[in-house]
Amino acid sequence: MGKSEKILADILSGRKDQPIRFTELVHLLGKLGFTGRVKGGHHIYWRDGVEEILNLQPLGSQAKPYQVKQVRNLIIKYHLEAI
């Protein structure tokens, strides 16, 4: 199992919302086909076929737990798989 698959499994399990590194979450979004841009401290991500836009900000080197939950909900809602 590769690193992206492990992170995806951790996010989908719901057990590891806190210790997800922000860079790992951003990398996973890229693997899921999201396009992003950075404006100030805001990392904005979108994807064709997904209505919602993700607006993420790191908390130090970690992703905020509620933002990990947002990503998990989008993955489940749209049945997204890594490319």
N, C-alpha and C. Protein backbone atom coordinates (compact mmCIF):
# COMPACT_ATOMS: atom_id res chain seq x y z
N MET A 1 0.84 -1.17 0.00
CA MET A 1 0.00 0.00 0.00
C MET A 1 0.89 1.23 0.00
N GLY A 2 0.66 2.12 -0.96
CA GLY A 2 1.45 3.34 -1.06
C GLY A 2 1.04 4.36 -0.02
N LYS A 3 1.82 5.43 0.05
CA LYS A 3 1.57 6.47 1.05
C LYS A 3 0.21 7.13 0.85
N SER A 4 -0.15 7.44 -0.40
CA SER A 4 -1.45 8.07 -0.67
C SER A 4 -2.60 7.16 -0.27
N GLU A 5 -2.47 5.88 -0.55
CA GLU A 5 -3.52 4.93 -0.19
C GLU A 5 -3.66 4.82 1.33
N LYS A 6 -2.53 4.87 2.05
CA LYS A 6 -2.57 4.80 3.51
C LYS A 6 -3.26 6.03 4.09
N ILE A 7 -2.92 7.20 3.57
CA ILE A 7 -3.54 8.44 4.05
C ILE A 7 -5.03 8.43 3.75
N LEU A 8 -5.40 7.98 2.55
CA LEU A 8 -6.81 7.89 2.18
C LEU A 8 -7.54 6.94 3.13
N ALA A 9 -6.94 5.81 3.43
CA ALA A 9 -7.56 4.85 4.35
C ALA A 9 -7.70 5.45 5.75
N ASP A 10 -6.69 6.19 6.21
CA ASP A 10 -6.75 6.84 7.52
C ASP A 10 -7.88 7.87 7.56
N ILE A 11 -8.00 8.66 6.51
CA ILE A 11 -9.05 9.69 6.47
C ILE A 11 -10.43 9.04 6.43
N LEU A 12 -10.58 8.02 5.59
CA LEU A 12 -11.89 7.38 5.47
C LEU A 12 -12.29 6.63 6.73
N SER A 13 -11.32 6.16 7.50
CA SER A 13 -11.64 5.43 8.73
C SER A 13 -12.25 6.35 9.78
N GLY A 14 -11.90 7.64 9.73
CA GLY A 14 -12.41 8.58 10.72
C GLY A 14 -11.68 8.54 12.05
N ARG A 15 -10.68 7.69 12.16
CA ARG A 15 -9.95 7.55 13.43
C ARG A 15 -8.80 8.55 13.55
N LYS A 16 -8.34 9.09 12.45
CA LYS A 16 -7.13 9.92 12.49
C LYS A 16 -7.36 11.29 11.88
N ASP A 17 -8.33 12.04 12.42
CA ASP A 17 -8.55 13.39 11.90
C ASP A 17 -7.48 14.36 12.39
N GLN A 18 -6.97 14.15 13.58
CA GLN A 18 -6.02 15.10 14.15
C GLN A 18 -4.61 14.99 13.58
N PRO A 19 -3.96 13.84 13.57
CA PRO A 19 -2.55 13.84 13.21
C PRO A 19 -2.27 13.72 11.70
N ILE A 20 -3.12 14.31 10.85
CA ILE A 20 -2.86 14.30 9.41
C ILE A 20 -2.04 15.54 9.06
N ARG A 21 -0.91 15.33 8.45
CA ARG A 21 -0.07 16.46 8.04
C ARG A 21 -0.74 17.19 6.88
N PHE A 22 -0.65 18.51 6.89
CA PHE A 22 -1.29 19.33 5.86
C PHE A 22 -0.74 18.99 4.48
N THR A 23 0.57 18.80 4.37
CA THR A 23 1.17 18.48 3.07
C THR A 23 0.65 17.15 2.54
N GLU A 24 0.40 16.19 3.44
CA GLU A 24 -0.14 14.89 3.01
C GLU A 24 -1.57 15.04 2.50
N LEU A 25 -2.36 15.89 3.17
CA LEU A 25 -3.74 16.13 2.73
C LEU A 25 -3.76 16.80 1.36
N VAL A 26 -2.88 17.77 1.17
CA VAL A 26 -2.79 18.48 -0.12
C VAL A 26 -2.35 17.51 -1.22
N HIS A 27 -1.39 16.65 -0.91
CA HIS A 27 -0.92 15.66 -1.88
C HIS A 27 -2.06 14.71 -2.27
N LEU A 28 -2.84 14.28 -1.29
CA LEU A 28 -3.97 13.39 -1.56
C LEU A 28 -5.00 14.08 -2.45
N LEU A 29 -5.28 15.35 -2.19
CA LEU A 29 -6.24 16.08 -3.04
C LEU A 29 -5.76 16.11 -4.49
N GLY A 30 -4.47 16.29 -4.68
CA GLY A 30 -3.92 16.24 -6.04
C GLY A 30 -4.13 14.89 -6.68
N LYS A 31 -3.90 13.82 -5.92
CA LYS A 31 -4.12 12.46 -6.44
C LYS A 31 -5.59 12.20 -6.75
N LEU A 32 -6.49 12.90 -6.05
CA LEU A 32 -7.93 12.73 -6.28
C LEU A 32 -8.43 13.60 -7.42
N GLY A 33 -7.53 14.36 -8.06
CA GLY A 33 -7.90 15.14 -9.23
C GLY A 33 -8.29 16.58 -8.95
N PHE A 34 -8.04 17.07 -7.74
CA PHE A 34 -8.37 18.45 -7.41
C PHE A 34 -7.29 19.39 -7.94
N THR A 35 -7.71 20.57 -8.32
CA THR A 35 -6.82 21.65 -8.72
C THR A 35 -6.83 22.67 -7.61
N GLY A 36 -5.70 23.30 -7.37
CA GLY A 36 -5.65 24.23 -6.26
C GLY A 36 -4.87 25.49 -6.55
N ARG A 37 -5.09 26.46 -5.71
CA ARG A 37 -4.31 27.70 -5.74
C ARG A 37 -4.17 28.18 -4.31
N VAL A 38 -3.19 29.02 -4.08
CA VAL A 38 -2.94 29.56 -2.74
C VAL A 38 -3.09 31.07 -2.80
N LYS A 39 -3.87 31.60 -1.87
CA LYS A 39 -4.03 33.05 -1.76
C LYS A 39 -3.86 33.39 -0.29
N GLY A 40 -2.71 33.97 0.04
CA GLY A 40 -2.38 34.21 1.44
C GLY A 40 -2.17 32.88 2.13
N GLY A 41 -2.88 32.66 3.21
CA GLY A 41 -2.78 31.40 3.93
C GLY A 41 -3.86 30.41 3.54
N HIS A 42 -4.68 30.77 2.56
CA HIS A 42 -5.80 29.93 2.15
C HIS A 42 -5.42 29.09 0.93
N HIS A 43 -5.65 27.82 1.03
CA HIS A 43 -5.42 26.88 -0.06
C HIS A 43 -6.79 26.48 -0.58
N ILE A 44 -7.11 26.89 -1.81
CA ILE A 44 -8.43 26.68 -2.39
C ILE A 44 -8.33 25.52 -3.39
N TYR A 45 -9.24 24.53 -3.27
CA TYR A 45 -9.23 23.36 -4.14
C TYR A 45 -10.60 23.13 -4.74
N TRP A 46 -10.62 22.74 -6.02
CA TRP A 46 -11.85 22.43 -6.73
C TRP A 46 -11.59 21.29 -7.69
N ARG A 47 -12.69 20.69 -8.15
CA ARG A 47 -12.59 19.59 -9.10
C ARG A 47 -13.86 19.56 -9.93
N ASP A 48 -13.72 19.23 -11.22
CA ASP A 48 -14.89 19.06 -12.07
C ASP A 48 -15.76 17.96 -11.49
N GLY A 49 -17.07 18.20 -11.48
CA GLY A 49 -17.99 17.21 -10.98
C GLY A 49 -18.24 17.28 -9.48
N VAL A 50 -17.52 18.17 -8.79
CA VAL A 50 -17.71 18.36 -7.35
C VAL A 50 -18.20 19.80 -7.15
N GLU A 51 -19.39 19.95 -6.58
CA GLU A 51 -19.98 21.27 -6.42
C GLU A 51 -19.25 22.12 -5.38
N GLU A 52 -18.82 21.49 -4.30
CA GLU A 52 -18.20 22.22 -3.20
C GLU A 52 -16.77 22.62 -3.54
N ILE A 53 -16.35 23.73 -2.97
CA ILE A 53 -14.97 24.20 -3.06
C ILE A 53 -14.37 24.07 -1.67
N LEU A 54 -13.17 23.51 -1.60
CA LEU A 54 -12.49 23.36 -0.31
C LEU A 54 -11.59 24.56 -0.07
N ASN A 55 -11.71 25.15 1.11
CA ASN A 55 -10.87 26.26 1.52
C ASN A 55 -10.13 25.79 2.77
N LEU A 56 -8.87 25.44 2.63
CA LEU A 56 -8.09 24.85 3.71
C LEU A 56 -7.00 25.80 4.19
N GLN A 57 -6.76 25.78 5.50
CA GLN A 57 -5.65 26.52 6.09
C GLN A 57 -4.94 25.58 7.05
N PRO A 58 -3.60 25.55 6.98
CA PRO A 58 -2.88 24.67 7.91
C PRO A 58 -2.89 25.23 9.32
N LEU A 59 -2.76 24.35 10.29
CA LEU A 59 -2.58 24.72 11.69
C LEU A 59 -1.18 24.24 12.04
N GLY A 60 -0.21 25.10 11.84
CA GLY A 60 1.19 24.68 11.93
C GLY A 60 1.48 23.77 10.76
N SER A 61 1.94 22.56 11.03
CA SER A 61 2.21 21.60 9.94
C SER A 61 1.06 20.61 9.78
N GLN A 62 0.02 20.73 10.61
CA GLN A 62 -1.09 19.78 10.59
C GLN A 62 -2.31 20.36 9.88
N ALA A 63 -3.16 19.47 9.40
CA ALA A 63 -4.46 19.87 8.85
C ALA A 63 -5.43 19.99 10.02
N LYS A 64 -6.34 20.93 9.91
CA LYS A 64 -7.35 21.10 10.97
C LYS A 64 -8.32 19.92 10.90
N PRO A 65 -8.67 19.37 12.05
CA PRO A 65 -9.55 18.19 12.07
C PRO A 65 -10.86 18.38 11.33
N TYR A 66 -11.50 19.54 11.46
CA TYR A 66 -12.77 19.73 10.77
C TYR A 66 -12.59 19.77 9.25
N GLN A 67 -11.42 20.20 8.79
CA GLN A 67 -11.17 20.22 7.35
C GLN A 67 -10.90 18.81 6.83
N VAL A 68 -10.27 17.97 7.64
CA VAL A 68 -10.09 16.56 7.26
C VAL A 68 -11.46 15.91 7.12
N LYS A 69 -12.38 16.23 8.03
CA LYS A 69 -13.75 15.71 7.94
C LYS A 69 -14.45 16.19 6.68
N GLN A 70 -14.23 17.46 6.28
CA GLN A 70 -14.81 17.97 5.05
C GLN A 70 -14.31 17.18 3.85
N VAL A 71 -13.01 16.91 3.82
CA VAL A 71 -12.43 16.14 2.71
C VAL A 71 -13.03 14.74 2.70
N ARG A 72 -13.11 14.08 3.87
CA ARG A 72 -13.69 12.75 3.96
C ARG A 72 -15.14 12.75 3.44
N ASN A 73 -15.93 13.73 3.84
CA ASN A 73 -17.32 13.79 3.39
C ASN A 73 -17.42 13.94 1.88
N LEU A 74 -16.53 14.74 1.26
CA LEU A 74 -16.53 14.87 -0.20
C LEU A 74 -16.13 13.57 -0.88
N ILE A 75 -15.13 12.89 -0.35
CA ILE A 75 -14.69 11.62 -0.93
C ILE A 75 -15.84 10.62 -0.91
N ILE A 76 -16.55 10.56 0.19
CA ILE A 76 -17.67 9.62 0.32
C ILE A 76 -18.83 10.06 -0.56
N LYS A 77 -19.18 11.33 -0.52
CA LYS A 77 -20.34 11.84 -1.26
C LYS A 77 -20.18 11.63 -2.77
N TYR A 78 -18.99 11.88 -3.29
CA TYR A 78 -18.76 11.81 -4.73
C TYR A 78 -18.06 10.53 -5.16
N HIS A 79 -17.83 9.61 -4.24
CA HIS A 79 -17.18 8.33 -4.54
C HIS A 79 -15.86 8.56 -5.28
N LEU A 80 -15.02 9.41 -4.71
CA LEU A 80 -13.75 9.76 -5.35
C LEU A 80 -12.71 8.70 -5.10
N GLU A 81 -11.91 8.45 -6.10
CA GLU A 81 -10.80 7.51 -6.00
C GLU A 81 -9.53 8.18 -6.50
N ALA A 82 -8.41 7.79 -5.93
CA ALA A 82 -7.13 8.35 -6.34
C ALA A 82 -6.84 7.97 -7.79
N ILE A 83 -6.27 8.92 -8.50
CA ILE A 83 -5.95 8.74 -9.93
C ILE A 83 -4.61 8.05 -10.05
